[in-house]
């Protein structure tokens, strides 16, 4: 499959739209005053079969724990699952002398303190590629944590609106759910724009597929055989919103404390699934479609001017969302 076909498949609508999924990243440190980095093997040794099946836990390059429960068609069911799994993960961690931190950026350590915990060829190549640009890619891999929300993609014009809202709402929502004083956003902005697109280079309001194809072609391939496959190369791009074939993956939110995860899920679900909210958001956000880089700069500085108005659009849906 060539890269044009692969990108087109990324924007294919869901067969049965309406589901919502999450990936929850948590920073792991020892449950001591020193808050030392943790070898993932220490925590993984406590995982039982039921937890693995429900949470599908994995570890990010810096040892961050990632929980990936199955998507749900009921927001309430998903939020219940999240609360249950984080409670179980916290208990397992406590049994192993580990504490789980819900921060966008590791507040205790530098890259020098945290080794590359998953030295697979993919991550070694990523680290080398990011190092050519500067230190922020290494910081992103080893020190950051996010709450990623996945929403099914509608066909036709509604899907086009979803793509625009998901992207244009990013700076405002990242500011609304900021849990790192904007540091995680700044790290992503400085890592490698060819791969992260935090300057808005991959977004075109009239030709989303063509713009994303140009973005994908311009991003250098990682020096591993797998990237000869166009589909694999696309997995090495990390824009704020990533099309995944049937759904959109919103990647710009900091990791959230448990009590705010329901609010974040509800906010995103409402903006992308509710037609009235989606169009109100477009009316608010479209004037800045060509100014995303400045919008992200404002977000990182904690002064996103559209945050309050955007949250007002979804406010009726937030009652009881925690």
Protein backbone atom coordinates (compact mmCIF):
# COMPACT_ATOMS: atom_id res chain seq x y z
CA UNK A 1 0.00 0.00 0.00
CA UNK A 2 1.41 3.41 -0.91
CA UNK A 3 1.34 6.29 1.54
CA UNK A 4 -1.54 8.10 -0.19
CA UNK A 5 -3.79 5.05 0.21
CA UNK A 6 -2.62 4.59 3.79
CA UNK A 7 -3.47 8.18 4.71
CA UNK A 8 -6.87 7.95 3.06
CA UNK A 9 -7.63 4.90 5.19
CA UNK A 10 -6.77 6.88 8.31
CA UNK A 11 -9.73 9.16 7.59
CA UNK A 12 -12.21 6.37 6.89
CA UNK A 13 -15.35 6.67 9.06
CA UNK A 14 -16.28 4.19 11.75
CA UNK A 15 -18.61 1.38 10.78
CA UNK A 16 -20.67 1.96 13.91
CA UNK A 17 -19.84 5.42 15.28
CA UNK A 18 -20.60 6.37 18.84
CA UNK A 19 -17.88 4.77 20.92
CA UNK A 20 -15.41 6.56 23.17
CA UNK A 21 -12.06 5.24 24.38
CA UNK A 22 -9.23 6.41 26.59
CA UNK A 23 -5.58 5.74 27.18
CA UNK A 24 -4.43 6.78 30.63
CA UNK A 25 -0.74 7.41 31.27
CA UNK A 26 0.56 7.55 34.83
CA UNK A 27 4.03 8.46 36.06
CA UNK A 28 5.51 5.82 38.36
CA UNK A 29 7.79 6.65 41.30
CA UNK A 30 8.71 4.92 44.52
CA UNK A 31 6.28 5.58 47.34
CA UNK A 32 8.96 7.23 49.46
CA UNK A 33 10.06 10.75 50.21
CA UNK A 34 12.77 10.40 47.55
CA UNK A 35 10.22 9.53 44.78
CA UNK A 36 12.79 7.54 42.79
CA UNK A 37 12.19 6.26 39.24
CA UNK A 38 10.68 2.78 39.03
CA UNK A 39 11.67 -0.16 36.84
CA UNK A 40 8.46 -1.27 35.06
CA UNK A 41 9.22 -4.89 35.96
CA UNK A 42 8.62 -4.06 39.62
CA UNK A 43 5.09 -2.92 38.92
CA UNK A 44 4.31 -5.49 36.22
CA UNK A 45 5.11 -8.30 38.65
CA UNK A 46 1.92 -7.37 40.52
CA UNK A 47 -0.42 -7.52 37.53
CA UNK A 48 -2.95 -10.35 37.70
CA UNK A 49 -4.73 -11.84 34.69
CA UNK A 50 -8.01 -10.01 35.34
CA UNK A 51 -6.26 -6.64 35.51
CA UNK A 52 -4.29 -7.33 32.34
CA UNK A 53 -7.45 -8.30 30.46
CA UNK A 54 -9.41 -5.23 31.62
CA UNK A 55 -6.69 -2.57 31.52
CA UNK A 56 -4.33 -3.89 28.82
CA UNK A 57 -1.40 -2.25 30.64
CA UNK A 58 1.79 -1.30 28.84
CA UNK A 59 4.75 0.93 29.61
CA UNK A 60 5.94 4.03 27.80
CA UNK A 61 9.66 4.65 27.12
CA UNK A 62 10.24 6.32 30.49
CA UNK A 63 8.37 3.67 32.44
CA UNK A 64 5.06 5.52 32.49
CA UNK A 65 2.21 3.08 33.03
CA UNK A 66 -0.45 3.17 30.30
CA UNK A 67 -3.92 1.73 30.80
CA UNK A 68 -5.99 1.09 27.66
CA UNK A 69 -9.46 -0.24 28.57
CA UNK A 70 -11.77 -1.20 25.70
CA UNK A 71 -13.84 1.65 24.21
CA UNK A 72 -17.46 1.88 25.27
CA UNK A 73 -20.66 3.13 23.68
CA UNK A 74 -21.77 4.39 27.08
CA UNK A 75 -19.86 7.32 28.56
CA UNK A 76 -21.02 6.37 32.06
CA UNK A 77 -19.73 2.82 31.57
CA UNK A 78 -16.36 4.08 30.36
CA UNK A 79 -15.99 6.47 33.29
CA UNK A 80 -16.94 3.65 35.68
CA UNK A 81 -14.32 1.40 34.06
CA UNK A 82 -11.70 4.13 34.42
CA UNK A 83 -12.41 4.63 38.11
CA UNK A 84 -12.29 0.89 38.74
CA UNK A 85 -9.06 0.32 36.83
CA UNK A 86 -7.21 3.27 38.32
CA UNK A 87 -8.30 2.12 41.77
CA UNK A 88 -6.96 -1.36 41.04
CA UNK A 89 -3.74 0.00 39.52
CA UNK A 90 -3.20 2.22 42.57
CA UNK A 91 -3.67 -0.75 44.90
CA UNK A 92 -1.25 -2.90 42.89
CA UNK A 93 1.28 -0.09 42.87
CA UNK A 94 0.97 0.41 46.63
CA UNK A 95 1.60 -3.30 47.20
CA UNK A 96 4.84 -2.95 45.20
CA UNK A 97 5.98 0.25 46.96
CA UNK A 98 5.09 2.40 43.95
CA UNK A 99 3.09 5.62 43.69
CA UNK A 100 1.18 6.65 40.54
CA UNK A 101 1.37 10.36 39.73
CA UNK A 102 -1.30 12.05 37.59
CA UNK A 103 0.90 14.83 36.23
CA UNK A 104 1.51 15.96 32.66
CA UNK A 105 5.26 16.05 33.28
CA UNK A 106 7.31 14.11 35.83
CA UNK A 107 7.85 16.69 38.59
CA UNK A 108 10.75 14.86 40.25
CA UNK A 109 13.23 13.84 37.58
CA UNK A 110 15.25 14.88 34.57
CA UNK A 111 16.09 12.69 31.59
CA UNK A 112 19.40 11.91 33.25
CA UNK A 113 17.49 10.25 36.10
CA UNK A 114 15.16 8.15 33.93
CA UNK A 115 16.70 5.61 31.53
CA UNK A 116 14.98 4.44 28.36
CA UNK A 117 12.92 1.69 29.97
CA UNK A 118 11.74 0.10 26.71
CA UNK A 119 14.85 0.03 24.48
CA UNK A 120 13.10 -1.46 21.45
CA UNK A 121 14.43 -0.54 17.97
CA UNK A 122 11.43 1.78 17.50
CA UNK A 123 12.16 3.80 20.64
CA UNK A 124 15.91 3.84 20.10
CA UNK A 125 15.37 5.19 16.59
CA UNK A 126 12.84 7.74 17.83
CA UNK A 127 15.21 8.94 20.50
CA UNK A 128 18.03 9.32 17.99
CA UNK A 129 15.78 11.22 15.58
CA UNK A 130 14.52 13.57 18.29
CA UNK A 131 18.06 14.13 19.59
CA UNK A 132 19.00 15.59 16.20
CA UNK A 133 16.55 18.43 16.86
CA UNK A 134 17.19 19.04 20.56
CA UNK A 135 16.54 17.71 24.08
CA UNK A 136 12.75 18.01 24.14
CA UNK A 137 12.01 14.78 22.28
CA UNK A 138 13.90 12.82 24.90
CA UNK A 139 11.99 14.68 27.63
CA UNK A 140 8.71 13.89 25.89
CA UNK A 141 9.49 10.19 25.73
CA UNK A 142 10.76 9.79 29.27
CA UNK A 143 8.98 12.37 31.38
CA UNK A 144 5.51 13.19 30.04
CA UNK A 145 2.12 11.60 30.59
CA UNK A 146 -1.22 12.23 28.93
CA UNK A 147 -4.89 11.40 28.89
CA UNK A 148 -5.67 10.39 25.31
CA UNK A 149 -9.32 10.31 24.24
CA UNK A 150 -10.51 8.47 21.14
CA UNK A 151 -13.77 9.32 19.38
CA UNK A 152 -15.30 7.55 16.38
CA UNK A 153 -15.28 9.40 13.07
CA UNK A 154 -18.59 10.13 11.33
CA UNK A 155 -18.89 9.90 7.55
CA UNK A 156 -19.14 12.93 5.29
CA UNK A 157 -19.48 16.53 6.43
CA UNK A 158 -20.01 15.58 10.08
CA UNK A 159 -16.64 13.79 10.09
CA UNK A 160 -15.01 16.82 8.49
CA UNK A 161 -16.46 18.99 11.27
CA UNK A 162 -15.19 16.54 13.90
CA UNK A 163 -11.66 16.72 12.50
CA UNK A 164 -11.67 20.51 12.54
CA UNK A 165 -13.14 20.82 16.03
CA UNK A 166 -10.81 18.19 17.49
CA UNK A 167 -7.81 20.14 16.20
CA UNK A 168 -8.95 23.71 16.67
CA UNK A 169 -10.17 23.03 20.21
CA UNK A 170 -6.76 21.63 21.19
CA UNK A 171 -5.14 24.79 22.57
CA UNK A 172 -8.22 25.76 24.57
CA UNK A 173 -8.77 22.27 25.99
CA UNK A 174 -5.09 21.77 26.77
CA UNK A 175 -5.23 25.00 28.77
CA UNK A 176 -8.49 24.00 30.46
CA UNK A 177 -7.03 20.68 31.61
CA UNK A 178 -3.48 21.91 32.14
CA UNK A 179 -1.74 19.88 34.84
CA UNK A 180 1.87 20.90 34.21
CA UNK A 181 1.83 24.73 33.96
CA UNK A 182 1.94 24.34 30.18
CA UNK A 183 5.23 22.44 30.28
CA UNK A 184 4.00 19.36 28.45
CA UNK A 185 2.64 21.49 25.59
CA UNK A 186 5.94 23.38 25.37
CA UNK A 187 7.86 20.11 25.21
CA UNK A 188 5.72 18.90 22.31
CA UNK A 189 6.07 22.23 20.51
CA UNK A 190 9.85 22.02 20.66
CA UNK A 191 10.39 18.29 20.03
CA UNK A 192 10.27 18.13 16.21
CA UNK A 193 7.51 19.94 14.34
CA UNK A 194 8.06 17.71 11.31
CA UNK A 195 6.73 14.83 13.40
CA UNK A 196 4.44 16.60 15.90
CA UNK A 197 2.80 19.27 13.74
CA UNK A 198 2.24 21.63 16.65
CA UNK A 199 2.51 24.56 14.25
CA UNK A 200 -0.67 23.45 12.46
CA UNK A 201 1.14 22.29 9.32
CA UNK A 202 -0.97 19.16 8.91
CA UNK A 203 -4.35 20.91 9.11
CA UNK A 204 -6.14 22.31 6.07
CA UNK A 205 -9.85 23.14 6.49
CA UNK A 206 -10.65 22.33 2.86
CA UNK A 207 -8.35 19.34 2.19
CA UNK A 208 -7.69 17.41 5.41
CA UNK A 209 -6.42 14.26 3.67
CA UNK A 210 -4.12 16.13 1.31
CA UNK A 211 -2.64 18.20 4.13
CA UNK A 212 -2.04 15.14 6.28
CA UNK A 213 -0.46 13.34 3.33
CA UNK A 214 1.97 16.23 2.83
CA UNK A 215 2.76 16.15 6.55
CA UNK A 216 3.42 12.40 6.44
CA UNK A 217 5.61 12.63 3.35
CA UNK A 218 7.71 15.44 4.81
CA UNK A 219 8.38 13.65 8.11
CA UNK A 220 11.65 11.70 7.94
CA UNK A 221 11.35 7.95 8.22
CA UNK A 222 12.92 6.32 11.24
CA UNK A 223 15.99 4.25 10.31
CA UNK A 224 14.38 0.87 10.96
CA UNK A 225 13.06 -1.59 8.33
CA UNK A 226 9.47 -1.33 9.56
CA UNK A 227 9.12 2.25 8.29
CA UNK A 228 9.42 1.01 4.71
CA UNK A 229 5.77 0.11 5.28
CA UNK A 230 3.75 3.32 4.85
CA UNK A 231 1.25 2.25 7.50
CA UNK A 232 4.03 1.84 10.05
CA UNK A 233 5.60 5.18 9.16
CA UNK A 234 2.28 6.84 9.96
CA UNK A 235 2.45 5.44 13.50
CA UNK A 236 5.68 7.40 14.04
CA UNK A 237 3.87 10.73 13.63
CA UNK A 238 2.53 12.35 16.79
CA UNK A 239 0.31 15.33 15.96
CA UNK A 240 -2.09 16.73 18.57
CA UNK A 241 -4.91 14.81 16.85
CA UNK A 242 -4.06 11.60 15.04
CA UNK A 243 -6.49 9.93 12.61
CA UNK A 244 -6.46 6.19 13.18
CA UNK A 245 -8.87 4.72 10.64
CA UNK A 246 -12.42 4.89 12.00
CA UNK A 247 -11.59 7.16 14.90
CA UNK A 248 -9.66 10.22 16.01
CA UNK A 249 -7.11 10.09 18.83
CA UNK A 250 -6.87 13.37 20.75
CA UNK A 251 -3.39 13.41 22.28
CA UNK A 252 -3.00 16.92 23.69
CA UNK A 253 -4.42 16.62 27.22
CA UNK A 254 -2.14 16.29 30.23
CA UNK A 255 -2.62 13.27 32.47
CA UNK A 256 -5.54 14.05 34.77
CA UNK A 257 -6.37 13.35 38.40
CA UNK A 258 -9.15 10.80 38.72
CA UNK A 259 -11.78 13.38 39.60
CA UNK A 260 -11.28 15.27 36.31
CA UNK A 261 -11.15 12.37 33.86
CA UNK A 262 -14.93 12.15 33.55
CA UNK A 263 -15.12 15.87 32.83
CA UNK A 264 -12.46 15.57 30.13
CA UNK A 265 -14.18 12.62 28.46
CA UNK A 266 -17.56 14.35 28.55
CA UNK A 267 -16.15 17.58 27.14
CA UNK A 268 -14.53 15.86 24.16
CA UNK A 269 -17.46 13.54 23.51
CA UNK A 270 -19.93 16.46 23.52
CA UNK A 271 -17.85 18.63 21.20
CA UNK A 272 -17.36 15.87 18.64
CA UNK A 273 -20.64 13.94 18.82
CA UNK A 274 -23.27 16.60 19.53
CA UNK A 275 -24.05 18.37 16.25
CA UNK A 276 -25.23 21.57 17.91
CA UNK A 277 -22.17 21.78 20.17
CA UNK A 278 -19.85 20.91 17.29
CA UNK A 279 -21.18 23.70 15.09
CA UNK A 280 -21.11 26.22 17.92
CA UNK A 281 -17.50 25.25 18.51
CA UNK A 282 -16.72 25.74 14.82
CA UNK A 283 -18.27 29.21 14.88
CA UNK A 284 -16.01 30.05 17.81
CA UNK A 285 -12.82 28.40 16.60
CA UNK A 286 -12.68 28.75 12.81
CA UNK A 287 -11.44 32.37 12.84
CA UNK A 288 -8.14 31.03 14.18
CA UNK A 289 -7.74 28.17 11.71
CA UNK A 290 -4.64 29.78 10.19
CA UNK A 291 -3.17 30.78 13.54
CA UNK A 292 -2.75 27.47 15.34
CA UNK A 293 0.90 27.98 16.20
CA UNK A 294 0.08 31.19 18.10
CA UNK A 295 -2.91 29.50 19.72
CA UNK A 296 -0.63 26.74 21.03
CA UNK A 297 1.85 29.36 22.27
CA UNK A 298 -0.95 31.02 24.22
CA UNK A 299 -2.11 27.68 25.58
CA UNK A 300 1.37 26.82 26.84
CA UNK A 301 1.48 30.22 28.54
CA UNK A 302 -1.84 29.54 30.28
CA UNK A 303 -3.79 32.29 28.56
CA UNK A 304 -5.88 30.63 25.87
CA UNK A 305 -8.60 33.23 25.17
CA UNK A 306 -11.17 30.73 23.82
CA UNK A 307 -11.18 28.33 26.78
CA UNK A 308 -14.05 29.87 28.73
CA UNK A 309 -16.33 30.20 25.71
CA UNK A 310 -15.58 26.65 24.56
CA UNK A 311 -16.35 25.18 27.97
CA UNK A 312 -19.58 27.16 28.10
CA UNK A 313 -20.74 25.26 25.00
CA UNK A 314 -20.41 21.91 26.79
CA UNK A 315 -21.39 23.05 30.28
CA UNK A 316 -24.90 21.48 30.23
CA UNK A 317 -23.31 18.07 29.58
CA UNK A 318 -20.90 18.29 32.49
CA UNK A 319 -23.42 17.83 35.28
CA UNK A 320 -22.51 14.59 37.05
CA UNK A 321 -19.64 13.83 34.68
CA UNK A 322 -16.90 13.25 37.30
